[in-house]
Structures are given as C-alpha cells and as structure tokens.
Amino acid sequence: MTKQLLRVKILKKLRTQKEVHRNKKSLLIKERLFRLSEFKRARVILFYLAFDGEVETRRMIEEAIALGKQIALPVIIRKTKALLPFLISNLEIHTEPGPYGIKQPQCSVCKKVPLKRIELAIIPGIAFDKTGNRLGRGKGYYDRFLKRLPKKIPTIGLAFDFQVSKRIPQSSCDIPVKKVLSA
C-alpha cells in the first residue's frame, strides 16, 4: 500500500473512532508511558497536542507537569518547515491556535528550549510499524525535527492498535522512532 493510501485509510479510522474508545485507549497508553524508565528519568519532555483523532495527550501533559516534569511543545514555522520546542507550564494559558489548526505554545510568553535539553520526545504519527518507522501527515516537519534531535534522546510514538502496521513504506528522508506504545 502506498503512503498516501495508508494515510487516507488510517485518518478515516482516527476520525470515526468513538470518543469513549479513544479516551479509554489513550489512558492505557498514558499508563504504559508513565511506567517506562525513559519517562521516569526525563526531566524535560517534548510532547505534542493531539489533533484530528490522535492519541489524546492533554491529560498526559497535565499529569507530567504535576509530577514536576518540564514540558515542551512544538511551534510550527511554516516558512522554514521546522518545528521548534518551547516550554509551557499551563496548557490553557500558554497555547494558541497555530498553523493547520493545531494548538502550539505562544512564542511571546514561552521559552524556546535547546534540543540537547530534551530528554524524551513523544512523537505523533498517522501510522507506525513494529520497527518504529512512522507515517506522518506528509509535510516532513517531524522527520526534519528528528534528524536534528541528538541520537541519544529516546523517541516514542503513540498509536492506537489500528495505527500499527506490519510495514510502513519508507523513503530516505523518513526518520523512525525508537519505540511505539499502542493500545
């Protein structure tokens, strides 16, 4: 299956999944994430804000902040097609709608965090395979970000079971995550 066909198929499932199932599975994924040694050790964690049916991360972010973790969220820079991580301490106060309708940190009140300070990166995807290959939304933002991220930093994709395929078609610019958590 081509990337585009797989993307369309999985996006349809994401958008039509019942909210009660999405929330239940997201909670299971959160519990698995919070038990990982990578999560327990990390002081600065890059998350994403869920969009368009993705694994819900809002509760994860709020609980991680309550645990004393520093949380960064990406800011989309359309001109350079880059993601820049900014620290937030309150989702309601420090975020605003960004490009593509995805909430992101307010650059005027949030502090940019150097990539080397990130100790764990939680990465979204439309689909993943068991070896960590990921299929994004097709713009390459996260692939360019992952290419710049120091290799020693653990990267974890979050997915629902139907988002995990046997094999994802790959191109030379695709960057895999190190681990995928699903439910």
C-alpha atoms as a PDB file:
ATOM      1  CA  MET A   1       0.000   0.000   0.000  1.00  0.00           C
ATOM      2  CA  THR A   2       1.327   3.467  -0.843  1.00  0.00           C
ATOM      3  CA  LYS A   3       1.920   6.078   1.834  1.00  0.00           C
ATOM      4  CA  GLN A   4      -0.997   8.175   0.602  1.00  0.00           C
ATOM      5  CA  LEU A   5      -3.476   5.262   0.583  1.00  0.00           C
ATOM      6  CA  LEU A   6      -2.380   4.155   4.052  1.00  0.00           C
ATOM      7  CA  ARG A   7      -2.638   7.753   5.311  1.00  0.00           C
ATOM      8  CA  VAL A   8      -6.218   8.089   3.983  1.00  0.00           C
ATOM      9  CA  LYS A   9      -7.268   4.713   5.420  1.00  0.00           C
ATOM     10  CA  ILE A  10      -5.872   5.372   8.919  1.00  0.00           C
ATOM     11  CA  LEU A  11      -7.055   9.002   9.054  1.00  0.00           C
ATOM     12  CA  LYS A  12     -10.598   7.807   8.344  1.00  0.00           C
ATOM     13  CA  LYS A  13     -10.368   5.353  11.265  1.00  0.00           C
ATOM     14  CA  LEU A  14      -8.913   8.043  13.547  1.00  0.00           C
ATOM     15  CA  ARG A  15     -11.691  10.494  12.690  1.00  0.00           C
ATOM     16  CA  THR A  16     -14.513   7.969  13.070  1.00  0.00           C
ATOM     17  CA  GLN A  17     -13.314   6.240  16.242  1.00  0.00           C
ATOM     18  CA  LYS A  18     -15.790   6.703  19.096  1.00  0.00           C
ATOM     19  CA  GLU A  19     -14.591   9.248  21.649  1.00  0.00           C
ATOM     20  CA  VAL A  20     -15.150   6.820  24.537  1.00  0.00           C
ATOM     21  CA  HIS A  21     -12.801   4.275  22.884  1.00  0.00           C
ATOM     22  CA  ARG A  22     -10.254   6.977  22.069  1.00  0.00           C
ATOM     23  CA  ASN A  23     -10.201   8.164  25.687  1.00  0.00           C
ATOM     24  CA  LYS A  24     -10.033   4.638  27.139  1.00  0.00           C
ATOM     25  CA  LYS A  25      -7.154   3.588  24.871  1.00  0.00           C
ATOM     26  CA  SER A  26      -5.349   6.905  25.407  1.00  0.00           C
ATOM     27  CA  LEU A  27      -5.491   6.306  29.168  1.00  0.00           C
ATOM     28  CA  LEU A  28      -3.943   2.830  28.728  1.00  0.00           C
ATOM     29  CA  ILE A  29      -1.173   4.312  26.581  1.00  0.00           C
ATOM     30  CA  LYS A  30      -0.568   7.045  29.190  1.00  0.00           C
ATOM     31  CA  GLU A  31      -0.224   4.432  31.928  1.00  0.00           C
ATOM     32  CA  ARG A  32       2.318   2.479  29.827  1.00  0.00           C
ATOM     33  CA  LEU A  33       4.270   5.640  29.052  1.00  0.00           C
ATOM     34  CA  PHE A  34       4.419   6.767  32.678  1.00  0.00           C
ATOM     35  CA  ARG A  35       5.766   3.338  33.755  1.00  0.00           C
ATOM     36  CA  LEU A  36       8.718   3.498  31.337  1.00  0.00           C
ATOM     37  CA  SER A  37      12.144   4.197  32.799  1.00  0.00           C
ATOM     38  CA  GLU A  38      12.747   6.702  29.971  1.00  0.00           C
ATOM     39  CA  PHE A  39       9.742   8.703  31.184  1.00  0.00           C
ATOM     40  CA  LYS A  40      10.612   8.430  34.879  1.00  0.00           C
ATOM     41  CA  ARG A  41      14.186   9.655  34.261  1.00  0.00           C
ATOM     42  CA  ALA A  42      13.304  12.503  31.909  1.00  0.00           C
ATOM     43  CA  ARG A  43      13.080  15.992  33.333  1.00  0.00           C
ATOM     44  CA  VAL A  44      12.357  17.761  30.006  1.00  0.00           C
ATOM     45  CA  ILE A  45       9.868  16.024  27.725  1.00  0.00           C
ATOM     46  CA  LEU A  46       8.692  17.074  24.279  1.00  0.00           C
ATOM     47  CA  PHE A  47       5.018  16.192  23.761  1.00  0.00           C
ATOM     48  CA  TYR A  48       2.553  17.064  21.009  1.00  0.00           C
ATOM     49  CA  LEU A  49      -1.029  18.240  21.422  1.00  0.00           C
ATOM     50  CA  ALA A  50      -3.365  15.651  19.923  1.00  0.00           C
ATOM     51  CA  PHE A  51      -5.105  16.634  16.710  1.00  0.00           C
ATOM     52  CA  ASP A  52      -7.626  15.025  14.382  1.00  0.00           C
ATOM     53  CA  GLY A  53      -8.293  11.849  16.394  1.00  0.00           C
ATOM     54  CA  GLU A  54      -4.704  11.143  17.531  1.00  0.00           C
ATOM     55  CA  VAL A  55      -3.884   9.544  20.892  1.00  0.00           C
ATOM     56  CA  GLU A  56      -5.024  12.136  23.440  1.00  0.00           C
ATOM     57  CA  THR A  57      -2.070  13.796  25.150  1.00  0.00           C
ATOM     58  CA  ARG A  58      -3.675  16.629  27.152  1.00  0.00           C
ATOM     59  CA  ARG A  59      -4.087  14.520  30.303  1.00  0.00           C
ATOM     60  CA  MET A  60      -0.553  13.145  29.901  1.00  0.00           C
ATOM     61  CA  ILE A  61       0.864  16.663  29.691  1.00  0.00           C
ATOM     62  CA  GLU A  62      -1.111  17.910  32.693  1.00  0.00           C
ATOM     63  CA  GLU A  63      -0.080  14.929  34.834  1.00  0.00           C
ATOM     64  CA  ALA A  64       3.559  15.217  33.746  1.00  0.00           C
ATOM     65  CA  ILE A  65       3.555  18.903  34.765  1.00  0.00           C
ATOM     66  CA  ALA A  66       2.015  17.914  38.125  1.00  0.00           C
ATOM     67  CA  LEU A  67       4.889  15.405  38.552  1.00  0.00           C
ATOM     68  CA  GLY A  68       7.391  18.245  38.137  1.00  0.00           C
ATOM     69  CA  LYS A  69       8.402  17.495  34.542  1.00  0.00           C
ATOM     70  CA  GLN A  70       9.215  20.381  32.222  1.00  0.00           C
ATOM     71  CA  ILE A  71       7.067  20.068  29.112  1.00  0.00           C
ATOM     72  CA  ALA A  72       7.913  21.371  25.669  1.00  0.00           C
ATOM     73  CA  LEU A  73       5.511  21.557  22.756  1.00  0.00           C
ATOM     74  CA  PRO A  74       6.447  22.211  19.132  1.00  0.00           C
ATOM     75  CA  VAL A  75       5.870  25.509  17.365  1.00  0.00           C
ATOM     76  CA  ILE A  76       5.396  25.126  13.618  1.00  0.00           C
ATOM     77  CA  ILE A  77       7.447  27.501  11.486  1.00  0.00           C
ATOM     78  CA  ARG A  78       5.779  27.253   8.072  1.00  0.00           C
ATOM     79  CA  LYS A  79       8.335  29.371   6.218  1.00  0.00           C
ATOM     80  CA  THR A  80      11.224  27.006   7.019  1.00  0.00           C
ATOM     81  CA  LYS A  81       9.024  23.905   7.592  1.00  0.00           C
ATOM     82  CA  ALA A  82      10.606  23.482  11.014  1.00  0.00           C
ATOM     83  CA  LEU A  83       9.409  22.546  14.498  1.00  0.00           C
ATOM     84  CA  LEU A  84      10.868  24.483  17.422  1.00  0.00           C
ATOM     85  CA  PRO A  85      10.286  23.259  21.000  1.00  0.00           C
ATOM     86  CA  PHE A  86       9.017  25.777  23.570  1.00  0.00           C
ATOM     87  CA  LEU A  87       8.477  25.116  27.285  1.00  0.00           C
ATOM     88  CA  ILE A  88       4.955  25.508  28.648  1.00  0.00           C
ATOM     89  CA  SER A  89       3.685  25.278  32.197  1.00  0.00           C
ATOM     90  CA  ASN A  90      -0.042  25.732  31.571  1.00  0.00           C
ATOM     91  CA  LEU A  91      -1.899  24.359  28.542  1.00  0.00           C
ATOM     92  CA  GLU A  92      -4.790  26.793  28.798  1.00  0.00           C
ATOM     93  CA  ILE A  93      -2.775  29.969  29.269  1.00  0.00           C
ATOM     94  CA  HIS A  94       0.348  29.284  27.196  1.00  0.00           C
ATOM     95  CA  THR A  95      -1.090  27.834  23.968  1.00  0.00           C
ATOM     96  CA  GLU A  96      -2.855  29.326  20.971  1.00  0.00           C
ATOM     97  CA  PRO A  97      -4.085  28.043  17.586  1.00  0.00           C
ATOM     98  CA  GLY A  98      -1.219  27.580  15.163  1.00  0.00           C
ATOM     99  CA  PRO A  99      -0.909  26.532  11.525  1.00  0.00           C
ATOM    100  CA  TYR A 100      -3.114  23.636  10.406  1.00  0.00           C
ATOM    101  CA  GLY A 101      -5.429  24.272  13.407  1.00  0.00           C
ATOM    102  CA  ILE A 102      -3.012  22.648  15.874  1.00  0.00           C
ATOM    103  CA  LYS A 103      -2.563  24.403  19.228  1.00  0.00           C
ATOM    104  CA  GLN A 104       1.001  25.430  19.986  1.00  0.00           C
ATOM    105  CA  PRO A 105       2.933  27.491  22.564  1.00  0.00           C
ATOM    106  CA  GLN A 106       2.700  31.277  22.469  1.00  0.00           C
ATOM    107  CA  CYS A 107       6.224  32.274  21.467  1.00  0.00           C
ATOM    108  CA  SER A 108       5.844  35.665  23.185  1.00  0.00           C
ATOM    109  CA  VAL A 109       5.415  34.132  26.659  1.00  0.00           C
ATOM    110  CA  CYS A 110       7.111  30.736  26.366  1.00  0.00           C
ATOM    111  CA  LYS A 111      10.839  29.988  26.349  1.00  0.00           C
ATOM    112  CA  LYS A 112      12.485  28.124  23.475  1.00  0.00           C
ATOM    113  CA  VAL A 113      14.296  25.010  24.690  1.00  0.00           C
ATOM    114  CA  PRO A 114      17.542  23.801  23.067  1.00  0.00           C
ATOM    115  CA  LEU A 115      17.238  20.320  21.523  1.00  0.00           C
ATOM    116  CA  LYS A 116      20.062  18.995  23.709  1.00  0.00           C
ATOM    117  CA  ARG A 117      17.968  19.712  26.845  1.00  0.00           C
ATOM    118  CA  ILE A 118      15.131  17.434  25.713  1.00  0.00           C
ATOM    119  CA  GLU A 119      15.437  14.062  27.455  1.00  0.00           C
ATOM    120  CA  LEU A 120      12.424  12.309  25.892  1.00  0.00           C
ATOM    121  CA  ALA A 121      10.435  13.093  22.751  1.00  0.00           C
ATOM    122  CA  ILE A 122       6.849  11.885  22.293  1.00  0.00           C
ATOM    123  CA  ILE A 123       6.141  11.848  18.565  1.00  0.00           C
ATOM    124  CA  PRO A 124       2.783  11.702  16.746  1.00  0.00           C
ATOM    125  CA  GLY A 125       2.108   9.683  13.630  1.00  0.00           C
ATOM    126  CA  ILE A 126      -0.693   8.516  11.392  1.00  0.00           C
ATOM    127  CA  ALA A 127       0.796   5.015  11.338  1.00  0.00           C
ATOM    128  CA  PHE A 128       3.820   3.154  12.692  1.00  0.00           C
ATOM    129  CA  ASP A 129       5.318  -0.261  12.161  1.00  0.00           C
ATOM    130  CA  LYS A 130       6.868  -2.545  14.747  1.00  0.00           C
ATOM    131  CA  THR A 131      10.392  -1.330  13.975  1.00  0.00           C
ATOM    132  CA  GLY A 132       9.499   2.323  14.627  1.00  0.00           C
ATOM    133  CA  ASN A 133       9.048   3.546  11.083  1.00  0.00           C
ATOM    134  CA  ARG A 134       6.374   6.219  11.040  1.00  0.00           C
ATOM    135  CA  LEU A 135       3.988   7.758   8.579  1.00  0.00           C
ATOM    136  CA  GLY A 136       3.200  11.387   9.309  1.00  0.00           C
ATOM    137  CA  ARG A 137       0.880  13.832   7.626  1.00  0.00           C
ATOM    138  CA  GLY A 138       3.170  14.207   4.624  1.00  0.00           C
ATOM    139  CA  LYS A 139       4.781  17.601   5.245  1.00  0.00           C
ATOM    140  CA  GLY A 140       8.032  16.268   6.796  1.00  0.00           C
ATOM    141  CA  TYR A 141       8.044  18.526   9.879  1.00  0.00           C
ATOM    142  CA  TYR A 142       8.743  15.720  12.358  1.00  0.00           C
ATOM    143  CA  ASP A 143      11.261  13.968  10.077  1.00  0.00           C
ATOM    144  CA  ARG A 144      13.283  17.201   9.845  1.00  0.00           C
ATOM    145  CA  PHE A 145      12.947  17.660  13.622  1.00  0.00           C
ATOM    146  CA  LEU A 146      14.019  14.065  14.395  1.00  0.00           C
ATOM    147  CA  LYS A 147      17.013  14.445  12.085  1.00  0.00           C
ATOM    148  CA  ARG A 148      18.206  17.416  14.200  1.00  0.00           C
ATOM    149  CA  LEU A 149      17.447  15.798  17.570  1.00  0.00           C
ATOM    150  CA  PRO A 150      20.528  14.264  19.270  1.00  0.00           C
ATOM    151  CA  LYS A 151      20.524  10.488  18.624  1.00  0.00           C
ATOM    152  CA  LYS A 152      20.801   9.581  22.327  1.00  0.00           C
ATOM    153  CA  ILE A 153      17.372  11.083  23.093  1.00  0.00           C
ATOM    154  CA  PRO A 154      14.635   8.407  23.318  1.00  0.00           C
ATOM    155  CA  THR A 155      11.794   8.939  20.853  1.00  0.00           C
ATOM    156  CA  ILE A 156       8.428   7.274  21.401  1.00  0.00           C
ATOM    157  CA  GLY A 157       5.466   7.135  19.051  1.00  0.00           C
ATOM    158  CA  LEU A 158       1.951   6.869  20.482  1.00  0.00           C
ATOM    159  CA  ALA A 159      -0.681   4.964  18.500  1.00  0.00           C
ATOM    160  CA  PHE A 160      -3.901   3.051  18.635  1.00  0.00           C
ATOM    161  CA  ASP A 161      -3.604  -0.627  17.649  1.00  0.00           C
ATOM    162  CA  PHE A 162      -5.125   0.008  14.200  1.00  0.00           C
ATOM    163  CA  GLN A 163      -2.336   2.525  13.517  1.00  0.00           C
ATOM    164  CA  VAL A 164       0.381  -0.127  13.848  1.00  0.00           C
ATOM    165  CA  SER A 165       1.067  -1.926  10.561  1.00  0.00           C
ATOM    166  CA  LYS A 166       3.419  -4.755   9.667  1.00  0.00           C
ATOM    167  CA  ARG A 167       5.375  -2.473   7.376  1.00  0.00           C
ATOM    168  CA  ILE A 168       5.270   1.209   6.512  1.00  0.00           C
ATOM    169  CA  PRO A 169       6.596   2.319   3.105  1.00  0.00           C
ATOM    170  CA  GLN A 170       9.763   4.361   3.685  1.00  0.00           C
ATOM    171  CA  SER A 171      11.805   6.913   1.807  1.00  0.00           C
ATOM    172  CA  SER A 172      15.335   8.115   2.502  1.00  0.00           C
ATOM    173  CA  CYS A 173      14.167  11.208   4.431  1.00  0.00           C
ATOM    174  CA  ASP A 174      11.916   9.256   6.867  1.00  0.00           C
ATOM    175  CA  ILE A 175      13.252   9.044  10.433  1.00  0.00           C
ATOM    176  CA  PRO A 176      11.915   6.250  12.705  1.00  0.00           C
ATOM    177  CA  VAL A 177      11.118   6.494  16.400  1.00  0.00           C
ATOM    178  CA  LYS A 178      12.910   4.177  18.853  1.00  0.00           C
ATOM    179  CA  LYS A 179       9.739   2.761  20.437  1.00  0.00           C
ATOM    180  CA  VAL A 180       5.990   2.628  19.771  1.00  0.00           C
ATOM    181  CA  LEU A 181       3.370   2.378  22.514  1.00  0.00           C
ATOM    182  CA  SER A 182      -0.109   1.297  21.479  1.00  0.00           C
ATOM    183  CA  ALA A 183      -3.444   0.100  22.854  1.00  0.00           C
END
